[in-house]
N, C-alpha and C. Protein backbone atom coordinates (compact mmCIF):
# COMPACT_ATOMS: atom_id res chain seq x y z
N MET A 1 -52.08 -4.52 18.15
CA MET A 1 -53.52 -3.78 19.10
C MET A 1 -54.23 -4.32 20.19
N LYS A 2 -53.85 -5.62 20.50
CA LYS A 2 -53.79 -6.55 22.07
C LYS A 2 -52.82 -5.78 22.95
N GLU A 3 -52.03 -5.50 22.62
CA GLU A 3 -50.69 -4.74 23.03
C GLU A 3 -51.17 -3.68 23.81
N GLU A 4 -51.85 -2.31 22.49
CA GLU A 4 -52.27 -1.18 23.39
C GLU A 4 -53.41 -1.32 24.12
N THR A 5 -54.00 -1.98 23.71
CA THR A 5 -55.51 -2.21 25.19
C THR A 5 -54.86 -2.28 26.18
N HIS A 6 -54.18 -3.60 26.24
CA HIS A 6 -53.63 -4.04 27.61
C HIS A 6 -52.82 -2.19 28.60
N ILE A 7 -51.60 -1.74 27.28
CA ILE A 7 -51.74 -0.32 28.39
C ILE A 7 -52.00 0.17 28.87
N GLU A 8 -53.50 0.94 27.75
CA GLU A 8 -54.93 1.86 27.55
C GLU A 8 -55.38 1.23 29.64
N ASN A 9 -55.25 -0.44 29.56
CA ASN A 9 -56.03 -0.70 31.08
C ASN A 9 -55.56 -0.58 31.72
N ALA A 10 -53.78 -0.52 31.61
CA ALA A 10 -53.14 -0.38 33.10
C ALA A 10 -53.12 0.64 33.49
N ARG A 11 -52.93 2.08 32.58
CA ARG A 11 -53.53 3.05 32.97
C ARG A 11 -54.20 3.15 34.15
N SER A 12 -54.03 4.46 35.59
CA SER A 12 -55.04 4.84 36.38
C SER A 12 -55.20 5.72 36.70
N ASP A 13 -54.85 6.55 35.96
CA ASP A 13 -54.70 8.01 36.08
C ASP A 13 -55.52 8.39 34.88
N TYR A 14 -56.98 8.43 34.97
CA TYR A 14 -57.57 8.65 33.79
C TYR A 14 -58.66 10.35 34.05
N ASN A 15 -58.34 11.11 33.37
CA ASN A 15 -59.64 12.29 33.77
C ASN A 15 -61.22 12.12 33.71
N GLU A 16 -61.78 12.42 34.27
CA GLU A 16 -63.45 11.62 33.88
C GLU A 16 -63.64 11.67 32.46
N GLU A 17 -63.34 12.79 31.64
CA GLU A 17 -64.07 12.46 30.68
C GLU A 17 -63.08 11.36 29.69
N GLU A 18 -62.12 11.13 30.24
CA GLU A 18 -61.15 9.87 29.48
C GLU A 18 -62.05 8.80 29.89
N LEU A 19 -62.40 8.59 30.67
CA LEU A 19 -62.70 7.25 31.52
C LEU A 19 -64.51 7.27 31.11
N LEU A 20 -65.21 8.56 31.03
CA LEU A 20 -66.78 7.82 30.72
C LEU A 20 -66.51 7.71 28.99
N LEU A 21 -65.13 8.07 28.58
CA LEU A 21 -64.53 7.95 27.07
C LEU A 21 -64.55 6.78 26.86
N LEU A 22 -64.03 6.32 27.72
CA LEU A 22 -63.40 4.82 27.67
C LEU A 22 -64.34 3.66 28.75
N SER A 23 -65.56 4.23 28.87
CA SER A 23 -67.02 3.50 28.97
C SER A 23 -67.63 3.33 28.64
N LYS A 24 -68.09 3.75 27.38
CA LYS A 24 -68.39 4.05 26.36
C LYS A 24 -67.97 2.69 24.97
N LYS A 25 -66.54 2.64 25.66
CA LYS A 25 -66.35 1.60 24.00
C LYS A 25 -66.66 0.68 24.84
N ASN A 26 -65.72 0.37 26.36
CA ASN A 26 -65.91 -1.16 26.80
C ASN A 26 -66.08 -1.05 28.29
N ILE A 27 -67.71 -1.68 28.64
CA ILE A 27 -68.68 -1.34 29.99
C ILE A 27 -67.65 -1.82 30.91
N ASP A 28 -66.38 -2.70 30.76
CA ASP A 28 -65.36 -3.05 31.84
C ASP A 28 -65.41 -1.98 32.67
N HIS A 29 -64.67 0.17 32.20
CA HIS A 29 -64.43 0.42 32.28
C HIS A 29 -64.95 1.29 33.64
N PHE A 30 -66.85 1.04 33.03
CA PHE A 30 -66.96 1.62 34.60
C PHE A 30 -67.23 1.00 35.59
N GLY A 31 -66.81 0.19 35.77
CA GLY A 31 -66.07 -0.13 37.76
C GLY A 31 -65.30 0.57 37.06
N LYS A 32 -64.44 1.43 37.32
CA LYS A 32 -63.91 1.93 37.74
C LYS A 32 -64.07 3.91 38.48
N ILE A 33 -65.62 3.89 37.73
CA ILE A 33 -66.21 4.43 37.71
C ILE A 33 -67.10 4.85 39.10
N TYR A 34 -67.94 3.12 39.07
CA TYR A 34 -68.41 2.56 40.02
C TYR A 34 -67.53 3.10 41.37
N ASN A 35 -66.40 2.39 41.10
CA ASN A 35 -65.74 2.35 42.62
C ASN A 35 -64.66 4.00 43.30
N GLN A 36 -65.08 4.87 42.20
CA GLN A 36 -64.97 6.09 42.47
C GLN A 36 -65.96 6.87 43.05
N GLN A 37 -67.38 6.47 42.26
CA GLN A 37 -68.22 7.30 42.77
C GLN A 37 -69.52 6.47 44.19
N TYR A 38 -69.41 5.43 44.32
CA TYR A 38 -70.05 4.85 44.97
C TYR A 38 -70.07 5.35 46.20
N ASP A 39 -69.57 5.97 46.64
CA ASP A 39 -69.80 6.35 48.72
C ASP A 39 -69.73 7.08 48.55
N SER A 40 -69.54 7.94 47.24
CA SER A 40 -70.28 9.89 47.97
C SER A 40 -72.10 9.42 47.10
N ILE A 41 -72.45 8.52 46.61
CA ILE A 41 -73.35 8.17 46.11
C ILE A 41 -74.60 7.89 47.27
N PHE A 42 -73.73 6.88 47.92
CA PHE A 42 -74.44 5.92 48.97
C PHE A 42 -74.80 6.85 50.07
N ARG A 43 -73.65 7.61 50.08
CA ARG A 43 -74.10 8.66 51.41
C ARG A 43 -75.15 9.58 50.86
N PHE A 44 -75.30 10.57 50.03
CA PHE A 44 -76.02 11.06 50.00
C PHE A 44 -77.55 10.51 49.45
N VAL A 45 -77.53 9.09 49.36
CA VAL A 45 -79.26 7.90 48.99
C VAL A 45 -79.00 8.11 50.94
N LEU A 46 -78.20 7.47 51.13
CA LEU A 46 -78.43 7.34 52.62
C LEU A 46 -79.17 8.35 53.83
N ARG A 47 -78.78 9.94 53.49
CA ARG A 47 -79.24 10.68 53.93
C ARG A 47 -80.87 10.88 54.13
N LYS A 48 -81.12 10.77 52.56
CA LYS A 48 -82.46 10.66 51.96
C LYS A 48 -83.45 9.47 52.61
N THR A 49 -82.83 8.29 53.03
CA THR A 49 -83.88 7.65 53.67
C THR A 49 -83.31 7.00 55.04
N ASP A 50 -82.25 7.29 55.99
CA ASP A 50 -81.80 6.50 56.50
C ASP A 50 -81.95 5.32 56.74
N ASP A 51 -81.76 4.54 56.12
CA ASP A 51 -81.86 3.20 56.43
C ASP A 51 -81.44 2.27 55.33
N ASP A 52 -79.73 1.38 55.55
CA ASP A 52 -78.54 0.94 54.84
C ASP A 52 -78.82 0.27 53.78
N GLU A 53 -80.05 -0.49 53.97
CA GLU A 53 -80.22 -1.57 52.99
C GLU A 53 -80.98 -0.86 51.68
N LEU A 54 -81.95 0.20 51.95
CA LEU A 54 -82.72 0.79 51.52
C LEU A 54 -81.94 1.78 50.49
N ALA A 55 -80.87 2.25 51.26
CA ALA A 55 -80.05 2.97 50.24
C ALA A 55 -79.32 2.34 49.26
N ALA A 56 -78.86 1.11 49.71
CA ALA A 56 -77.70 0.01 48.74
C ALA A 56 -78.71 -0.81 47.69
N ASP A 57 -79.95 -0.78 47.68
CA ASP A 57 -80.96 -0.99 46.85
C ASP A 57 -81.00 0.10 45.74
N LEU A 58 -81.32 1.06 46.35
CA LEU A 58 -81.41 2.30 45.58
C LEU A 58 -79.95 2.68 44.54
N VAL A 59 -79.26 2.39 45.69
CA VAL A 59 -77.72 2.60 44.90
C VAL A 59 -77.00 1.38 43.40
N SER A 60 -77.57 0.46 43.76
CA SER A 60 -77.61 -0.01 42.68
C SER A 60 -78.43 0.39 41.29
N GLU A 61 -79.38 0.53 41.53
CA GLU A 61 -80.47 0.79 40.69
C GLU A 61 -79.64 2.35 39.99
N VAL A 62 -79.23 3.30 40.93
CA VAL A 62 -78.06 4.31 40.14
C VAL A 62 -77.87 4.07 38.92
N PHE A 63 -76.67 3.20 39.76
CA PHE A 63 -75.65 2.39 38.91
C PHE A 63 -76.02 1.75 38.00
N LEU A 64 -76.82 1.06 37.72
CA LEU A 64 -77.71 0.36 36.29
C LEU A 64 -77.79 0.99 35.36
N LYS A 65 -78.71 1.91 35.83
CA LYS A 65 -79.34 2.68 35.21
C LYS A 65 -78.13 3.70 34.38
N ALA A 66 -77.01 4.31 35.34
CA ALA A 66 -75.79 5.04 34.52
C ALA A 66 -75.12 4.50 33.97
N MET A 67 -75.28 2.85 33.89
CA MET A 67 -74.31 1.85 32.97
C MET A 67 -75.46 2.01 32.13
N LEU A 68 -76.37 1.16 31.59
CA LEU A 68 -77.08 1.07 30.97
C LEU A 68 -77.34 2.23 29.78
N ALA A 69 -77.06 3.30 30.38
CA ALA A 69 -77.44 4.72 29.88
C ALA A 69 -75.86 5.45 29.01
N ILE A 70 -74.77 4.47 29.42
CA ILE A 70 -73.62 5.44 29.11
C ILE A 70 -72.93 5.38 27.66
N LYS A 71 -73.92 4.72 27.14
CA LYS A 71 -73.35 4.97 25.35
C LYS A 71 -74.35 6.26 25.33
N ARG A 72 -75.14 6.92 25.51
CA ARG A 72 -76.09 7.79 25.66
C ARG A 72 -76.06 9.07 26.08
N PHE A 73 -74.61 8.71 27.21
CA PHE A 73 -74.38 10.46 28.19
C PHE A 73 -73.33 11.02 27.52
N GLN A 74 -73.26 12.46 27.43
CA GLN A 74 -72.93 13.34 26.36
C GLN A 74 -72.41 14.52 27.74
N TYR A 75 -71.06 14.31 28.10
CA TYR A 75 -70.26 15.04 28.66
C TYR A 75 -70.20 16.35 28.53
N ASN A 76 -70.83 17.34 29.42
CA ASN A 76 -70.71 18.90 29.10
C ASN A 76 -70.26 19.67 30.06
N GLY A 77 -68.92 19.05 30.90
CA GLY A 77 -68.61 19.94 31.94
C GLY A 77 -68.90 19.29 33.40
N VAL A 78 -70.28 19.31 33.30
CA VAL A 78 -70.91 18.86 34.46
C VAL A 78 -70.23 17.53 35.01
N PRO A 79 -69.53 17.62 36.06
CA PRO A 79 -68.94 16.30 36.95
C PRO A 79 -69.64 14.97 37.10
N TYR A 80 -69.20 14.00 36.34
CA TYR A 80 -70.05 12.51 36.42
C TYR A 80 -71.30 12.73 37.82
N GLN A 81 -70.06 13.10 38.65
CA GLN A 81 -70.80 12.78 39.37
C GLN A 81 -72.45 13.28 40.17
N ALA A 82 -72.70 14.83 39.59
CA ALA A 82 -73.67 15.05 39.53
C ALA A 82 -75.45 14.85 38.14
N TYR A 83 -74.33 14.23 37.34
CA TYR A 83 -75.01 13.53 36.72
C TYR A 83 -76.29 12.17 37.67
N LEU A 84 -74.68 11.47 38.11
CA LEU A 84 -75.39 10.15 39.36
C LEU A 84 -76.17 10.52 40.56
N MET A 85 -75.90 11.87 41.00
CA MET A 85 -76.53 12.45 41.92
C MET A 85 -78.28 12.85 41.93
N LYS A 86 -78.11 13.03 40.23
CA LYS A 86 -79.57 13.59 39.60
C LYS A 86 -80.12 12.32 39.50
N ILE A 87 -79.39 11.00 39.10
CA ILE A 87 -80.69 9.80 38.59
C ILE A 87 -80.39 9.16 40.40
N ALA A 88 -80.04 9.37 41.61
CA ALA A 88 -80.20 9.04 42.64
C ALA A 88 -81.01 10.11 43.14
N ARG A 89 -81.19 11.21 42.87
CA ARG A 89 -82.02 12.07 43.33
C ARG A 89 -83.64 11.38 42.82
N ASN A 90 -83.74 10.98 41.55
CA ASN A 90 -85.21 10.44 40.83
C ASN A 90 -85.36 8.82 41.61
N GLU A 91 -84.26 8.33 41.55
CA GLU A 91 -84.44 7.08 42.29
C GLU A 91 -85.13 7.53 43.77
N VAL A 92 -84.96 8.18 44.47
CA VAL A 92 -85.80 7.76 45.85
C VAL A 92 -86.95 8.38 45.86
N LEU A 93 -86.92 9.98 45.46
CA LEU A 93 -88.04 10.57 45.04
C LEU A 93 -88.72 9.40 44.85
N ALA A 94 -88.94 8.96 43.68
CA ALA A 94 -89.84 7.29 43.06
C ALA A 94 -89.81 6.50 44.19
N HIS A 95 -88.69 5.73 44.62
CA HIS A 95 -88.99 5.03 46.32
C HIS A 95 -90.38 5.76 46.75
N TYR A 96 -90.52 7.07 47.22
CA TYR A 96 -91.38 7.63 48.47
C TYR A 96 -92.53 7.42 47.87
N GLN A 97 -92.77 8.05 46.17
CA GLN A 97 -93.54 8.14 45.53
C GLN A 97 -94.57 6.81 45.74
N ARG A 98 -93.16 5.67 45.75
CA ARG A 98 -93.98 4.17 45.80
C ARG A 98 -94.77 3.80 46.50
N THR A 99 -94.31 4.53 47.98
CA THR A 99 -94.19 3.74 48.77
C THR A 99 -95.16 4.49 49.76
N LYS A 100 -95.42 5.40 48.96
CA LYS A 100 -96.64 6.66 49.81
C LYS A 100 -96.19 7.03 51.05
N LYS A 101 -94.77 7.19 51.29
CA LYS A 101 -94.22 7.64 52.50
C LYS A 101 -93.59 9.14 52.47
N ARG A 102 -92.94 9.59 53.25
CA ARG A 102 -92.68 10.95 52.71
C ARG A 102 -91.07 10.71 53.15
N MET A 103 -90.01 11.84 52.64
CA MET A 103 -89.34 11.79 52.22
C MET A 103 -88.31 11.52 54.04
N VAL A 104 -87.36 10.90 54.63
CA VAL A 104 -86.51 11.30 55.90
C VAL A 104 -85.30 12.27 54.98
N ILE A 105 -85.46 12.91 55.72
CA ILE A 105 -84.01 14.13 55.89
C ILE A 105 -83.63 13.74 56.62
N SER A 106 -81.72 13.36 56.76
CA SER A 106 -80.90 12.93 57.95
C SER A 106 -79.63 14.32 57.73
N ILE A 107 -80.24 15.63 58.81
CA ILE A 107 -78.74 16.11 58.54
C ILE A 107 -78.16 15.76 60.32
N ASP A 108 -76.91 16.52 59.44
CA ASP A 108 -76.08 16.51 61.07
C ASP A 108 -76.60 17.82 61.65
N GLU A 109 -76.51 17.84 62.65
CA GLU A 109 -76.97 19.00 63.53
C GLU A 109 -75.36 19.57 63.87
N THR A 110 -74.57 19.71 63.54
CA THR A 110 -73.23 20.17 63.65
C THR A 110 -73.28 20.62 63.03
N ASN A 111 -73.06 19.95 61.73
CA ASN A 111 -73.57 20.79 60.03
C ASN A 111 -74.26 22.38 59.96
N LEU A 112 -76.28 21.31 60.23
CA LEU A 112 -76.21 22.49 60.03
C LEU A 112 -76.08 23.37 60.69
N ARG A 113 -75.41 23.61 62.43
CA ARG A 113 -75.37 24.74 62.93
C ARG A 113 -74.52 25.46 62.27
N GLU A 114 -74.00 24.72 61.74
CA GLU A 114 -72.70 25.21 61.57
C GLU A 114 -73.04 26.15 59.87
N ILE A 115 -73.83 25.49 59.39
CA ILE A 115 -74.14 26.57 58.10
C ILE A 115 -75.21 27.60 58.57
N LEU A 116 -75.80 28.03 59.90
CA LEU A 116 -76.64 28.59 60.55
C LEU A 116 -75.46 30.37 60.55
N GLN A 117 -74.31 29.09 61.55
CA GLN A 117 -73.48 30.81 62.02
C GLN A 117 -72.59 31.33 60.79
N ASN A 118 -72.33 30.51 59.78
CA ASN A 118 -71.60 30.80 58.80
C ASN A 118 -72.63 31.43 58.21
N GLU A 119 -73.17 30.96 57.23
CA GLU A 119 -73.81 31.73 56.51
C GLU A 119 -74.91 33.26 56.86
N VAL A 120 -75.99 32.55 57.87
CA VAL A 120 -77.21 33.31 58.48
C VAL A 120 -76.19 34.08 60.36
N ASP A 121 -75.42 33.86 60.57
CA ASP A 121 -74.61 34.26 61.79
C ASP A 121 -75.13 34.69 62.53
N VAL A 122 -75.86 33.44 63.44
CA VAL A 122 -76.31 33.07 64.25
C VAL A 122 -75.98 31.76 64.90
N LYS A 123 -76.38 31.86 66.62
CA LYS A 123 -75.65 30.64 66.91
C LYS A 123 -77.05 30.30 67.82
N MET A 124 -77.46 29.00 67.84
CA MET A 124 -78.76 27.82 67.95
C MET A 124 -78.94 27.10 68.66
N GLU A 125 -79.62 26.16 69.83
CA GLU A 125 -79.75 25.47 70.20
C GLU A 125 -80.32 24.08 69.46
N ALA A 126 -79.92 23.15 69.17
CA ALA A 126 -79.92 22.24 67.75
C ALA A 126 -81.19 21.85 67.68
N GLU A 127 -82.38 21.60 68.88
CA GLU A 127 -83.51 21.47 69.07
C GLU A 127 -84.03 22.84 67.62
N LYS A 128 -83.76 23.84 68.11
CA LYS A 128 -84.41 24.64 67.13
C LYS A 128 -83.64 24.89 65.93
N VAL A 129 -82.59 24.72 65.96
CA VAL A 129 -81.84 24.42 64.65
C VAL A 129 -82.71 23.46 63.73
N ILE A 130 -83.04 22.11 63.83
CA ILE A 130 -83.74 21.53 63.47
C ILE A 130 -84.93 22.12 62.75
N SER A 131 -85.88 22.87 63.55
CA SER A 131 -87.08 23.38 63.60
C SER A 131 -87.12 23.95 62.45
N LEU A 132 -85.91 24.49 62.25
CA LEU A 132 -85.85 25.51 61.53
C LEU A 132 -86.49 25.21 60.36
N ILE A 133 -86.15 23.73 59.67
CA ILE A 133 -85.95 22.84 57.82
C ILE A 133 -87.27 23.12 57.71
N ASP A 134 -88.07 23.13 59.19
CA ASP A 134 -90.17 22.72 58.66
C ASP A 134 -90.71 23.82 57.85
N LEU A 135 -89.52 25.09 57.90
CA LEU A 135 -89.85 26.75 57.10
C LEU A 135 -89.71 26.57 55.54
N LEU A 136 -88.69 25.70 55.17
CA LEU A 136 -88.20 25.51 53.84
C LEU A 136 -89.19 24.19 53.23
N ASP A 137 -89.17 24.98 51.70
CA ASP A 137 -90.44 24.04 50.90
C ASP A 137 -89.05 22.91 50.81
N GLU A 138 -89.90 22.16 49.84
CA GLU A 138 -89.07 21.13 48.93
C GLU A 138 -87.70 21.08 48.54
N ASP A 139 -87.99 22.14 47.03
CA ASP A 139 -86.54 22.53 46.44
C ASP A 139 -85.43 23.43 47.42
N GLU A 140 -85.94 23.70 48.90
CA GLU A 140 -85.04 25.15 49.05
C GLU A 140 -84.43 24.03 49.99
N VAL A 141 -84.70 23.13 50.81
CA VAL A 141 -84.15 21.82 51.60
C VAL A 141 -82.80 21.47 50.48
N ALA A 142 -83.60 20.68 49.35
CA ALA A 142 -82.74 19.95 48.71
C ALA A 142 -80.98 21.17 48.19
N ILE A 143 -81.81 22.29 47.90
CA ILE A 143 -80.56 23.52 47.05
C ILE A 143 -79.68 23.08 48.84
N LEU A 144 -80.26 23.63 49.50
CA LEU A 144 -79.15 23.57 50.69
C LEU A 144 -78.77 22.21 51.21
N ASP A 145 -79.01 21.35 51.28
CA ASP A 145 -78.68 19.77 51.13
C ASP A 145 -77.42 19.65 50.05
N LEU A 146 -77.39 20.49 49.15
CA LEU A 146 -76.48 20.05 47.91
C LEU A 146 -75.34 21.01 48.25
N LYS A 147 -75.88 21.90 48.13
CA LYS A 147 -74.73 22.94 48.61
C LYS A 147 -73.66 23.18 49.84
N PHE A 148 -74.35 22.62 50.83
CA PHE A 148 -73.52 22.69 52.05
C PHE A 148 -73.70 20.97 52.28
N PHE A 149 -74.27 19.72 52.20
CA PHE A 149 -73.33 19.14 52.37
C PHE A 149 -73.30 18.05 51.84
N GLU A 150 -73.16 18.55 50.23
CA GLU A 150 -72.79 17.60 49.44
C GLU A 150 -71.20 19.07 48.82
N GLY A 151 -71.44 19.89 49.11
CA GLY A 151 -70.24 20.99 48.39
C GLY A 151 -70.32 21.17 47.03
N LYS A 152 -71.96 21.43 46.45
CA LYS A 152 -72.18 21.63 45.46
C LYS A 152 -72.40 23.03 44.75
N ALA A 153 -71.42 22.74 43.60
CA ALA A 153 -71.49 24.09 43.22
C ALA A 153 -73.25 24.53 42.90
N PHE A 154 -73.34 26.23 42.29
CA PHE A 154 -74.62 25.81 42.03
C PHE A 154 -74.83 25.19 40.80
N TYR A 155 -74.35 25.86 39.08
CA TYR A 155 -74.06 24.86 38.75
C TYR A 155 -74.51 23.88 38.54
N GLU A 156 -74.11 23.38 39.54
CA GLU A 156 -74.15 21.69 39.66
C GLU A 156 -75.60 21.06 40.19
N ILE A 157 -75.93 21.84 41.10
CA ILE A 157 -77.28 21.94 41.56
C ILE A 157 -78.34 22.11 40.59
N ALA A 158 -78.09 22.81 39.96
CA ALA A 158 -79.06 23.71 38.51
C ALA A 158 -79.56 22.00 38.13
N PHE A 159 -78.48 21.89 37.53
CA PHE A 159 -78.20 20.28 36.74
C PHE A 159 -78.97 19.04 37.14
N ILE A 160 -78.68 18.67 39.13
CA ILE A 160 -79.25 17.69 39.34
C ILE A 160 -80.61 18.11 39.63
N LEU A 161 -81.00 19.28 40.15
CA LEU A 161 -82.65 19.34 40.00
C LEU A 161 -83.52 20.03 39.11
N GLU A 162 -82.54 20.35 37.50
CA GLU A 162 -82.89 20.17 36.42
C GLU A 162 -83.80 21.69 36.55
N LYS A 163 -82.80 22.38 37.03
CA LYS A 163 -83.53 24.49 37.24
C LYS A 163 -82.40 24.74 36.07
N ASN A 164 -82.91 26.36 36.60
CA ASN A 164 -82.47 27.19 36.05
C ASN A 164 -80.77 27.62 36.78
N GLU A 165 -79.67 27.84 36.42
CA GLU A 165 -78.87 28.07 37.44
C GLU A 165 -79.22 29.44 38.02
N SER A 166 -79.72 30.35 37.54
CA SER A 166 -80.46 31.70 38.25
C SER A 166 -80.95 31.39 39.69
N THR A 167 -82.03 30.44 39.00
CA THR A 167 -83.14 30.10 39.96
C THR A 167 -82.64 29.21 40.96
N VAL A 168 -81.89 28.45 41.02
CA VAL A 168 -81.09 28.03 41.91
C VAL A 168 -80.74 28.81 43.35
N LYS A 169 -79.48 30.31 42.60
CA LYS A 169 -79.51 31.00 43.12
C LYS A 169 -80.66 31.90 43.73
N MET A 170 -80.94 32.19 43.59
CA MET A 170 -82.90 32.80 44.38
C MET A 170 -82.92 32.37 45.24
N ARG A 171 -82.89 31.37 44.99
CA ARG A 171 -83.84 30.22 45.88
C ARG A 171 -82.90 30.34 47.15
N TYR A 172 -81.74 29.55 47.02
CA TYR A 172 -80.75 29.56 47.88
C TYR A 172 -80.50 30.98 49.01
N TYR A 173 -80.49 31.79 48.42
CA TYR A 173 -80.45 32.79 49.12
C TYR A 173 -81.87 33.45 50.32
N ARG A 174 -82.99 32.80 49.00
CA ARG A 174 -84.17 33.35 49.96
C ARG A 174 -83.99 32.30 50.99
N ALA A 175 -84.02 31.30 50.48
CA ALA A 175 -84.27 30.37 52.17
C ALA A 175 -83.64 30.68 53.30
N LEU A 176 -82.11 31.16 52.53
CA LEU A 176 -81.15 31.63 54.16
C LEU A 176 -81.34 32.89 54.74
N GLN A 177 -82.30 33.78 54.06
CA GLN A 177 -83.33 34.72 54.33
C GLN A 177 -84.24 34.62 55.22
N LYS A 178 -84.62 33.33 54.65
CA LYS A 178 -86.34 33.22 56.04
C LYS A 178 -85.28 32.43 56.96
N LEU A 179 -84.73 31.59 57.00
CA LEU A 179 -83.90 31.24 58.14
C LEU A 179 -83.73 32.76 59.18
N LYS A 180 -82.93 33.45 58.63
CA LYS A 180 -82.63 34.81 59.48
C LYS A 180 -83.70 35.00 59.48
N GLU A 181 -84.69 35.76 59.06
CA GLU A 181 -85.44 36.18 59.19
C GLU A 181 -86.50 35.64 61.16
N LYS A 182 -86.18 33.70 60.42
CA LYS A 182 -86.73 33.17 61.25
C LYS A 182 -86.71 33.33 63.31
N VAL A 183 -84.68 33.70 62.86
CA VAL A 183 -83.88 33.33 63.81
C VAL A 183 -84.35 34.88 64.70
N SER A 184 -84.34 35.91 63.71
CA SER A 184 -84.04 37.26 64.20
C SER A 184 -85.30 37.52 64.54
N GLY A 185 -86.45 36.67 64.57
CA GLY A 185 -87.66 36.99 65.31
C GLY A 185 -87.99 36.91 66.73
N GLN A 186 -87.32 35.43 66.91
CA GLN A 186 -86.71 34.72 68.15
C GLN A 186 -86.82 35.64 69.55
């Protein structure tokens, strides 16, 4: 039996579902998930905090909560990273509610300009691009953020935001339409 466990531990090519099952049996395997996902979750949180220390603290909470809940986690085909982003988003929102501060949205101007050029088919100066974000509500910004900056599919965004997939798609297209109308009117 010990030899079997050693062979199991030697493998490094587990798919996500296998790694989650192994982590449920032996929490030591959760370290592999942590190593695979840390950087992307950290970047996700950092864009919402613009503070390295705060982001690191919040990401620690994310992984602690995920690790403590691993036995209850049910794999449903949605990538585990979406589950972690859902926890991260909730941690960030809770932080801003506790501190009564407004959430930071750190968006790379180049990426936003590229989105507008590809999705709305316009060319704009950086200052005007950033000012357009104020036209959108929190959910619309979150949807665009997850779609473009995190590269998430609509079903993953729906999972993270706890919304219906068709609602996410509708809000996405409405947000793009708002931006297009505002840009066309200038």
